[in-house]
Amino acid sequence: MTPKHFLDLSDLTSQTVRDIVDEARRRKEARAGLPNGTPDADQPLAGKLLALVFDKPSTRTRVSFDLAMRQLGGDTLMLNHNDMQLGRGE
């Protein structure tokens, strides 16, 4: 059983890490031949939203996470330092 959340890889058992890697490999093989951005058939993250908060420009990271989330059926919300009021006390 893969955990729902984890903060530190060392919190996981070796079997859980193996399960995560095996699932990633299975998903990658299932996508063989599909164009980038095509949603996975099972869309495991449908109805989920990933907030991407960037203090500095990060094109590769932003695009990679956005594309991965969409392939898994979810959506993204991107915020950068110009969109947020954190520096002004919010």
PDB file of N, CA and C in Angstrom:
ATOM      1  N   MET A   1       0.852  -1.189   0.000  1.00  0.00           N
ATOM      2  CA  MET A   1       0.000   0.000   0.000  1.00  0.00           C
ATOM      3  C   MET A   1       0.894   1.247   0.000  1.00  0.00           C
ATOM      4  N   THR A   2       0.688   2.119  -0.953  1.00  0.00           N
ATOM      5  CA  THR A   2       1.451   3.356  -1.049  1.00  0.00           C
ATOM      6  C   THR A   2       0.850   4.391  -0.098  1.00  0.00           C
ATOM      7  N   PRO A   3       1.690   5.105   0.654  1.00  0.00           N
ATOM      8  CA  PRO A   3       1.161   6.098   1.592  1.00  0.00           C
ATOM      9  C   PRO A   3       0.516   7.261   0.857  1.00  0.00           C
ATOM     10  N   LYS A   4      -0.428   7.906   1.512  1.00  0.00           N
ATOM     11  CA  LYS A   4      -1.091   9.067   0.916  1.00  0.00           C
ATOM     12  C   LYS A   4      -0.175  10.289   0.970  1.00  0.00           C
ATOM     13  N   HIS A   5       0.598  10.405   2.033  1.00  0.00           N
ATOM     14  CA  HIS A   5       1.496  11.545   2.212  1.00  0.00           C
ATOM     15  C   HIS A   5       2.808  11.070   2.832  1.00  0.00           C
ATOM     16  N   PHE A   6       3.877  11.761   2.502  1.00  0.00           N
ATOM     17  CA  PHE A   6       5.125  11.554   3.232  1.00  0.00           C
ATOM     18  C   PHE A   6       6.001  12.785   3.034  1.00  0.00           C
ATOM     19  N   LEU A   7       6.814  13.075   4.023  1.00  0.00           N
ATOM     20  CA  LEU A   7       7.697  14.230   3.977  1.00  0.00           C
ATOM     21  C   LEU A   7       9.155  13.837   3.815  1.00  0.00           C
ATOM     22  N   ASP A   8       9.473  12.634   4.215  1.00  0.00           N
ATOM     23  CA  ASP A   8      10.859  12.201   4.200  1.00  0.00           C
ATOM     24  C   ASP A   8      10.917  10.764   3.705  1.00  0.00           C
ATOM     25  N   LEU A   9      11.721  10.531   2.690  1.00  0.00           N
ATOM     26  CA  LEU A   9      11.842   9.200   2.112  1.00  0.00           C
ATOM     27  C   LEU A   9      12.249   8.167   3.159  1.00  0.00           C
ATOM     28  N   SER A  10      13.014   8.595   4.158  1.00  0.00           N
ATOM     29  CA  SER A  10      13.458   7.653   5.190  1.00  0.00           C
ATOM     30  C   SER A  10      12.304   7.193   6.085  1.00  0.00           C
ATOM     31  N   ASP A  11      11.125   7.843   5.993  1.00  0.00           N
ATOM     32  CA  ASP A  11       9.950   7.414   6.751  1.00  0.00           C
ATOM     33  C   ASP A  11       9.281   6.196   6.120  1.00  0.00           C
ATOM     34  N   LEU A  12       9.671   5.850   4.896  1.00  0.00           N
ATOM     35  CA  LEU A  12       9.030   4.760   4.162  1.00  0.00           C
ATOM     36  C   LEU A  12       9.817   3.469   4.291  1.00  0.00           C
ATOM     37  N   THR A  13       9.105   2.363   4.234  1.00  0.00           N
ATOM     38  CA  THR A  13       9.776   1.066   4.222  1.00  0.00           C
ATOM     39  C   THR A  13      10.349   0.839   2.829  1.00  0.00           C
ATOM     40  N   SER A  14      11.296  -0.078   2.735  1.00  0.00           N
ATOM     41  CA  SER A  14      11.877  -0.384   1.429  1.00  0.00           C
ATOM     42  C   SER A  14      10.809  -0.947   0.486  1.00  0.00           C
ATOM     43  N   GLN A  15       9.841  -1.698   1.013  1.00  0.00           N
ATOM     44  CA  GLN A  15       8.765  -2.238   0.176  1.00  0.00           C
ATOM     45  C   GLN A  15       7.882  -1.115  -0.368  1.00  0.00           C
ATOM     46  N   THR A  16       7.606  -0.112   0.421  1.00  0.00           N
ATOM     47  CA  THR A  16       6.791   1.013  -0.035  1.00  0.00           C
ATOM     48  C   THR A  16       7.504   1.779  -1.139  1.00  0.00           C
ATOM     49  N   VAL A  17       8.805   1.988  -0.973  1.00  0.00           N
ATOM     50  CA  VAL A  17       9.589   2.659  -2.012  1.00  0.00           C
ATOM     51  C   VAL A  17       9.560   1.827  -3.293  1.00  0.00           C
ATOM     52  N   ARG A  18       9.721   0.521  -3.164  1.00  0.00           N
ATOM     53  CA  ARG A  18       9.657  -0.381  -4.332  1.00  0.00           C
ATOM     54  C   ARG A  18       8.288  -0.274  -5.010  1.00  0.00           C
ATOM     55  N   ASP A  19       7.211  -0.238  -4.215  1.00  0.00           N
ATOM     56  CA  ASP A  19       5.854  -0.119  -4.769  1.00  0.00           C
ATOM     57  C   ASP A  19       5.689   1.183  -5.548  1.00  0.00           C
ATOM     58  N   ILE A  20       6.239   2.274  -5.031  1.00  0.00           N
ATOM     59  CA  ILE A  20       6.152   3.573  -5.709  1.00  0.00           C
ATOM     60  C   ILE A  20       6.897   3.513  -7.044  1.00  0.00           C
ATOM     61  N   VAL A  21       8.100   2.949  -7.030  1.00  0.00           N
ATOM     62  CA  VAL A  21       8.891   2.848  -8.259  1.00  0.00           C
ATOM     63  C   VAL A  21       8.196   1.939  -9.275  1.00  0.00           C
ATOM     64  N   ASP A  22       7.652   0.819  -8.813  1.00  0.00           N
ATOM     65  CA  ASP A  22       6.950  -0.099  -9.718  1.00  0.00           C
ATOM     66  C   ASP A  22       5.729   0.571 -10.350  1.00  0.00           C
ATOM     67  N   GLU A  23       4.990   1.325  -9.558  1.00  0.00           N
ATOM     68  CA  GLU A  23       3.814   2.036 -10.089  1.00  0.00           C
ATOM     69  C   GLU A  23       4.234   3.090 -11.106  1.00  0.00           C
ATOM     70  N   ALA A  24       5.307   3.801 -10.826  1.00  0.00           N
ATOM     71  CA  ALA A  24       5.810   4.800 -11.776  1.00  0.00           C
ATOM     72  C   ALA A  24       6.235   4.135 -13.079  1.00  0.00           C
ATOM     73  N   ARG A  25       6.908   3.017 -12.971  1.00  0.00           N
ATOM     74  CA  ARG A  25       7.339   2.284 -14.167  1.00  0.00           C
ATOM     75  C   ARG A  25       6.122   1.798 -14.966  1.00  0.00           C
ATOM     76  N   ARG A  26       5.122   1.274 -14.274  1.00  0.00           N
ATOM     77  CA  ARG A  26       3.908   0.798 -14.941  1.00  0.00           C
ATOM     78  C   ARG A  26       3.206   1.939 -15.677  1.00  0.00           C
ATOM     79  N   ARG A  27       3.114   3.097 -15.027  1.00  0.00           N
ATOM     80  CA  ARG A  27       2.460   4.254 -15.656  1.00  0.00           C
ATOM     81  C   ARG A  27       3.251   4.725 -16.877  1.00  0.00           C
ATOM     82  N   LYS A  28       4.570   4.737 -16.774  1.00  0.00           N
ATOM     83  CA  LYS A  28       5.391   5.166 -17.899  1.00  0.00           C
ATOM     84  C   LYS A  28       5.230   4.220 -19.081  1.00  0.00           C
ATOM     85  N   GLU A  29       5.245   2.929 -18.819  1.00  0.00           N
ATOM     86  CA  GLU A  29       5.064   1.949 -19.896  1.00  0.00           C
ATOM     87  C   GLU A  29       3.686   2.065 -20.535  1.00  0.00           C
ATOM     88  N   ALA A  30       2.658   2.359 -19.741  1.00  0.00           N
ATOM     89  CA  ALA A  30       1.300   2.495 -20.270  1.00  0.00           C
ATOM     90  C   ALA A  30       1.169   3.722 -21.170  1.00  0.00           C
ATOM     91  N   ARG A  31       2.049   4.697 -21.001  1.00  0.00           N
ATOM     92  CA  ARG A  31       2.003   5.921 -21.799  1.00  0.00           C
ATOM     93  C   ARG A  31       2.815   5.811 -23.089  1.00  0.00           C
ATOM     94  N   ALA A  32       3.491   4.712 -23.301  1.00  0.00           N
ATOM     95  CA  ALA A  32       4.334   4.557 -24.487  1.00  0.00           C
ATOM     96  C   ALA A  32       3.518   4.833 -25.741  1.00  0.00           C
ATOM     97  N   GLY A  33       4.039   5.745 -26.581  1.00  0.00           N
ATOM     98  CA  GLY A  33       3.390   6.072 -27.843  1.00  0.00           C
ATOM     99  C   GLY A  33       2.342   7.164 -27.752  1.00  0.00           C
ATOM    100  N   LEU A  34       1.954   7.566 -26.561  1.00  0.00           N
ATOM    101  CA  LEU A  34       0.965   8.636 -26.420  1.00  0.00           C
ATOM    102  C   LEU A  34       1.649   9.997 -26.524  1.00  0.00           C
ATOM    103  N   PRO A  35       0.983  10.980 -27.125  1.00  0.00           N
ATOM    104  CA  PRO A  35       1.564  12.333 -27.148  1.00  0.00           C
ATOM    105  C   PRO A  35       1.646  12.909 -25.734  1.00  0.00           C
ATOM    106  N   ASN A  36       2.670  13.732 -25.501  1.00  0.00           N
ATOM    107  CA  ASN A  36       2.778  14.417 -24.208  1.00  0.00           C
ATOM    108  C   ASN A  36       1.494  15.191 -23.941  1.00  0.00           C
ATOM    109  N   GLY A  37       1.049  15.136 -22.695  1.00  0.00           N
ATOM    110  CA  GLY A  37      -0.142  15.868 -22.311  1.00  0.00           C
ATOM    111  C   GLY A  37      -1.427  15.069 -22.416  1.00  0.00           C
ATOM    112  N   THR A  38      -1.382  13.920 -23.088  1.00  0.00           N
ATOM    113  CA  THR A  38      -2.572  13.078 -23.167  1.00  0.00           C
ATOM    114  C   THR A  38      -2.871  12.529 -21.780  1.00  0.00           C
ATOM    115  N   PRO A  39      -4.085  12.741 -21.263  1.00  0.00           N
ATOM    116  CA  PRO A  39      -4.397  12.245 -19.924  1.00  0.00           C
ATOM    117  C   PRO A  39      -4.334  10.717 -19.841  1.00  0.00           C
ATOM    118  N   ASP A  40      -3.881  10.206 -18.698  1.00  0.00           N
ATOM    119  CA  ASP A  40      -3.895   8.768 -18.454  1.00  0.00           C
ATOM    120  C   ASP A  40      -5.336   8.283 -18.454  1.00  0.00           C
ATOM    121  N   ALA A  41      -5.539   7.039 -18.870  1.00  0.00           N
ATOM    122  CA  ALA A  41      -6.891   6.481 -18.968  1.00  0.00           C
ATOM    123  C   ALA A  41      -7.615   6.484 -17.624  1.00  0.00           C
ATOM    124  N   ASP A  42      -6.911   6.190 -16.530  1.00  0.00           N
ATOM    125  CA  ASP A  42      -7.584   6.104 -15.228  1.00  0.00           C
ATOM    126  C   ASP A  42      -7.704   7.445 -14.506  1.00  0.00           C
ATOM    127  N   GLN A  43      -6.953   8.453 -14.930  1.00  0.00           N
ATOM    128  CA  GLN A  43      -6.986   9.798 -14.352  1.00  0.00           C
ATOM    129  C   GLN A  43      -7.094   9.778 -12.815  1.00  0.00           C
ATOM    130  N   PRO A  44      -6.075   9.249 -12.127  1.00  0.00           N
ATOM    131  CA  PRO A  44      -6.162   9.092 -10.673  1.00  0.00           C
ATOM    132  C   PRO A  44      -6.263  10.401  -9.894  1.00  0.00           C
ATOM    133  N   LEU A  45      -5.902  11.522 -10.513  1.00  0.00           N
ATOM    134  CA  LEU A  45      -5.981  12.804  -9.800  1.00  0.00           C
ATOM    135  C   LEU A  45      -7.120  13.688 -10.302  1.00  0.00           C
ATOM    136  N   ALA A  46      -8.103  13.087 -10.976  1.00  0.00           N
ATOM    137  CA  ALA A  46      -9.266  13.848 -11.437  1.00  0.00           C
ATOM    138  C   ALA A  46      -9.949  14.501 -10.235  1.00  0.00           C
ATOM    139  N   GLY A  47     -10.290  15.760 -10.378  1.00  0.00           N
ATOM    140  CA  GLY A  47     -10.932  16.495  -9.299  1.00  0.00           C
ATOM    141  C   GLY A  47      -9.969  17.068  -8.277  1.00  0.00           C
ATOM    142  N   LYS A  48      -8.667  16.858  -8.474  1.00  0.00           N
ATOM    143  CA  LYS A  48      -7.659  17.377  -7.540  1.00  0.00           C
ATOM    144  C   LYS A  48      -6.991  18.606  -8.145  1.00  0.00           C
ATOM    145  N   LEU A  49      -6.563  19.510  -7.276  1.00  0.00           N
ATOM    146  CA  LEU A  49      -5.896  20.740  -7.693  1.00  0.00           C
ATOM    147  C   LEU A  49      -4.541  20.823  -7.003  1.00  0.00           C
ATOM    148  N   LEU A  50      -3.490  21.078  -7.782  1.00  0.00           N
ATOM    149  CA  LEU A  50      -2.143  21.249  -7.250  1.00  0.00           C
ATOM    150  C   LEU A  50      -1.787  22.731  -7.353  1.00  0.00           C
ATOM    151  N   ALA A  51      -1.522  23.371  -6.229  1.00  0.00           N
ATOM    152  CA  ALA A  51      -1.091  24.762  -6.217  1.00  0.00           C
ATOM    153  C   ALA A  51       0.432  24.799  -6.338  1.00  0.00           C
ATOM    154  N   LEU A  52       0.921  25.497  -7.335  1.00  0.00           N
ATOM    155  CA  LEU A  52       2.356  25.653  -7.561  1.00  0.00           C
ATOM    156  C   LEU A  52       2.717  27.083  -7.184  1.00  0.00           C
ATOM    157  N   VAL A  53       3.516  27.238  -6.146  1.00  0.00           N
ATOM    158  CA  VAL A  53       3.887  28.560  -5.644  1.00  0.00           C
ATOM    159  C   VAL A  53       5.381  28.751  -5.894  1.00  0.00           C
ATOM    160  N   PHE A  54       5.712  29.763  -6.694  1.00  0.00           N
ATOM    161  CA  PHE A  54       7.105  30.024  -7.050  1.00  0.00           C
ATOM    162  C   PHE A  54       7.510  31.432  -6.625  1.00  0.00           C
ATOM    163  N   ASP A  55       8.613  31.514  -5.893  1.00  0.00           N
ATOM    164  CA  ASP A  55       9.174  32.802  -5.504  1.00  0.00           C
ATOM    165  C   ASP A  55      10.067  33.331  -6.613  1.00  0.00           C
ATOM    166  N   LYS A  56      10.709  32.409  -7.344  1.00  0.00           N
ATOM    167  CA  LYS A  56      11.608  32.777  -8.437  1.00  0.00           C
ATOM    168  C   LYS A  56      11.157  32.062  -9.704  1.00  0.00           C
ATOM    169  N   PRO A  57      11.491  32.593 -10.869  1.00  0.00           N
ATOM    170  CA  PRO A  57      11.123  31.931 -12.127  1.00  0.00           C
ATOM    171  C   PRO A  57      11.705  30.521 -12.187  1.00  0.00           C
ATOM    172  N   SER A  58      10.904  29.585 -12.657  1.00  0.00           N
ATOM    173  CA  SER A  58      11.339  28.191 -12.737  1.00  0.00           C
ATOM    174  C   SER A  58      10.561  27.494 -13.852  1.00  0.00           C
ATOM    175  N   THR A  59      10.903  27.804 -15.082  1.00  0.00           N
ATOM    176  CA  THR A  59      10.136  27.312 -16.222  1.00  0.00           C
ATOM    177  C   THR A  59      10.099  25.795 -16.286  1.00  0.00           C
ATOM    178  N   ARG A  60      11.231  25.135 -16.186  1.00  0.00           N
ATOM    179  CA  ARG A  60      11.245  23.677 -16.322  1.00  0.00           C
ATOM    180  C   ARG A  60      10.429  22.994 -15.232  1.00  0.00           C
ATOM    181  N   THR A  61      10.590  23.434 -13.982  1.00  0.00           N
ATOM    182  CA  THR A  61       9.841  22.836 -12.879  1.00  0.00           C
ATOM    183  C   THR A  61       8.357  23.095 -13.048  1.00  0.00           C
ATOM    184  N   ARG A  62       7.990  24.320 -13.367  1.00  0.00           N
ATOM    185  CA  ARG A  62       6.582  24.689 -13.531  1.00  0.00           C
ATOM    186  C   ARG A  62       5.926  23.866 -14.632  1.00  0.00           C
ATOM    187  N   VAL A  63       6.568  23.801 -15.787  1.00  0.00           N
ATOM    188  CA  VAL A  63       6.006  23.065 -16.921  1.00  0.00           C
ATOM    189  C   VAL A  63       5.948  21.568 -16.615  1.00  0.00           C
ATOM    190  N   SER A  64       6.979  21.025 -15.995  1.00  0.00           N
ATOM    191  CA  SER A  64       7.004  19.594 -15.668  1.00  0.00           C
ATOM    192  C   SER A  64       5.869  19.211 -14.724  1.00  0.00           C
ATOM    193  N   PHE A  65       5.687  19.986 -13.660  1.00  0.00           N
ATOM    194  CA  PHE A  65       4.619  19.678 -12.709  1.00  0.00           C
ATOM    195  C   PHE A  65       3.244  19.886 -13.333  1.00  0.00           C
ATOM    196  N   ASP A  66       3.079  20.935 -14.132  1.00  0.00           N
ATOM    197  CA  ASP A  66       1.799  21.196 -14.782  1.00  0.00           C
ATOM    198  C   ASP A  66       1.442  20.051 -15.731  1.00  0.00           C
ATOM    199  N   LEU A  67       2.379  19.640 -16.555  1.00  0.00           N
ATOM    200  CA  LEU A  67       2.139  18.560 -17.503  1.00  0.00           C
ATOM    201  C   LEU A  67       1.845  17.244 -16.776  1.00  0.00           C
ATOM    202  N   ALA A  68       2.611  16.926 -15.747  1.00  0.00           N
ATOM    203  CA  ALA A  68       2.390  15.684 -14.994  1.00  0.00           C
ATOM    204  C   ALA A  68       1.004  15.674 -14.359  1.00  0.00           C
ATOM    205  N   MET A  69       0.617  16.787 -13.753  1.00  0.00           N
ATOM    206  CA  MET A  69      -0.692  16.852 -13.110  1.00  0.00           C
ATOM    207  C   MET A  69      -1.809  16.674 -14.127  1.00  0.00           C
ATOM    208  N   ARG A  70      -1.683  17.295 -15.270  1.00  0.00           N
ATOM    209  CA  ARG A  70      -2.703  17.163 -16.320  1.00  0.00           C
ATOM    210  C   ARG A  70      -2.760  15.734 -16.857  1.00  0.00           C
ATOM    211  N   GLN A  71      -1.603  15.097 -17.018  1.00  0.00           N
ATOM    212  CA  GLN A  71      -1.577  13.712 -17.486  1.00  0.00           C
ATOM    213  C   GLN A  71      -2.265  12.785 -16.492  1.00  0.00           C
ATOM    214  N   LEU A  72      -2.208  13.112 -15.213  1.00  0.00           N
ATOM    215  CA  LEU A  72      -2.849  12.303 -14.183  1.00  0.00           C
ATOM    216  C   LEU A  72      -4.303  12.714 -13.947  1.00  0.00           C
ATOM    217  N   GLY A  73      -4.793  13.680 -14.737  1.00  0.00           N
ATOM    218  CA  GLY A  73      -6.205  14.055 -14.686  1.00  0.00           C
ATOM    219  C   GLY A  73      -6.540  15.233 -13.804  1.00  0.00           C
ATOM    220  N   GLY A  74      -5.543  15.844 -13.165  1.00  0.00           N
ATOM    221  CA  GLY A  74      -5.798  16.960 -12.261  1.00  0.00           C
ATOM    222  C   GLY A  74      -5.586  18.309 -12.920  1.00  0.00           C
ATOM    223  N   ASP A  75      -5.717  19.348 -12.134  1.00  0.00           N
ATOM    224  CA  ASP A  75      -5.517  20.723 -12.586  1.00  0.00           C
ATOM    225  C   ASP A  75      -4.455  21.388 -11.727  1.00  0.00           C
ATOM    226  N   THR A  76      -3.946  22.515 -12.218  1.00  0.00           N
ATOM    227  CA  THR A  76      -2.949  23.267 -11.460  1.00  0.00           C
ATOM    228  C   THR A  76      -3.364  24.724 -11.319  1.00  0.00           C
ATOM    229  N   LEU A  77      -2.880  25.332 -10.276  1.00  0.00           N
ATOM    230  CA  LEU A  77      -3.018  26.762 -10.030  1.00  0.00           C
ATOM    231  C   LEU A  77      -1.600  27.259  -9.788  1.00  0.00           C
ATOM    232  N   MET A  78      -1.140  28.185 -10.636  1.00  0.00           N
ATOM    233  CA  MET A  78       0.228  28.674 -10.520  1.00  0.00           C
ATOM    234  C   MET A  78       0.242  30.095  -9.985  1.00  0.00           C
ATOM    235  N   LEU A  79       1.063  30.304  -8.981  1.00  0.00           N
ATOM    236  CA  LEU A  79       1.235  31.631  -8.396  1.00  0.00           C
ATOM    237  C   LEU A  79       2.721  31.943  -8.362  1.00  0.00           C
ATOM    238  N   ASN A  80       3.073  33.172  -8.728  1.00  0.00           N
ATOM    239  CA  ASN A  80       4.463  33.600  -8.606  1.00  0.00           C
ATOM    240  C   ASN A  80       4.505  34.834  -7.720  1.00  0.00           C
ATOM    241  N   HIS A  81       5.695  35.365  -7.506  1.00  0.00           N
ATOM    242  CA  HIS A  81       5.845  36.480  -6.566  1.00  0.00           C
ATOM    243  C   HIS A  81       5.023  37.699  -6.974  1.00  0.00           C
ATOM    244  N   ASN A  82       4.734  37.870  -8.249  1.00  0.00           N
ATOM    245  CA  ASN A  82       3.915  39.002  -8.701  1.00  0.00           C
ATOM    246  C   ASN A  82       2.438  38.815  -8.375  1.00  0.00           C
ATOM    247  N   ASP A  83       2.008  37.557  -8.222  1.00  0.00           N
ATOM    248  CA  ASP A  83       0.608  37.255  -7.947  1.00  0.00           C
ATOM    249  C   ASP A  83       0.283  37.280  -6.461  1.00  0.00           C
ATOM    250  N   MET A  84       1.288  37.188  -5.608  1.00  0.00           N
ATOM    251  CA  MET A  84       1.060  37.038  -4.172  1.00  0.00           C
ATOM    252  C   MET A  84       1.405  38.319  -3.437  1.00  0.00           C
ATOM    253  N   GLN A  85       0.821  38.458  -2.278  1.00  0.00           N
ATOM    254  CA  GLN A  85       1.047  39.631  -1.435  1.00  0.00           C
ATOM    255  C   GLN A  85       1.922  39.288  -0.220  1.00  0.00           C
ATOM    256  N   LEU A  86       2.639  38.169  -0.283  1.00  0.00           N
ATOM    257  CA  LEU A  86       3.400  37.732   0.873  1.00  0.00           C
ATOM    258  C   LEU A  86       4.442  38.760   1.318  1.00  0.00           C
ATOM    259  N   GLY A  87       5.064  39.434   0.392  1.00  0.00           N
ATOM    260  CA  GLY A  87       6.064  40.432   0.738  1.00  0.00           C
ATOM    261  C   GLY A  87       5.473  41.704   1.306  1.00  0.00           C
ATOM    262  N   ARG A  88       4.165  41.833   1.216  1.00  0.00           N
ATOM    263  CA  ARG A  88       3.492  43.027   1.708  1.00  0.00           C
ATOM    264  C   ARG A  88       2.645  42.728   2.952  1.00  0.00           C
ATOM    265  N   GLY A  89       2.975  41.649   3.636  1.00  0.00           N
ATOM    266  CA  GLY A  89       2.346  41.390   4.932  1.00  0.00           C
ATOM    267  C   GLY A  89       1.161  40.441   4.918  1.00  0.00           C
ATOM    268  N   GLU A  90       0.798  39.864   3.791  1.00  0.00           N
ATOM    269  CA  GLU A  90      -0.317  38.910   3.797  1.00  0.00           C
ATOM    270  C   GLU A  90       0.154  37.540   4.176  1.00  0.00           C
TER     271      GLU A  90
END
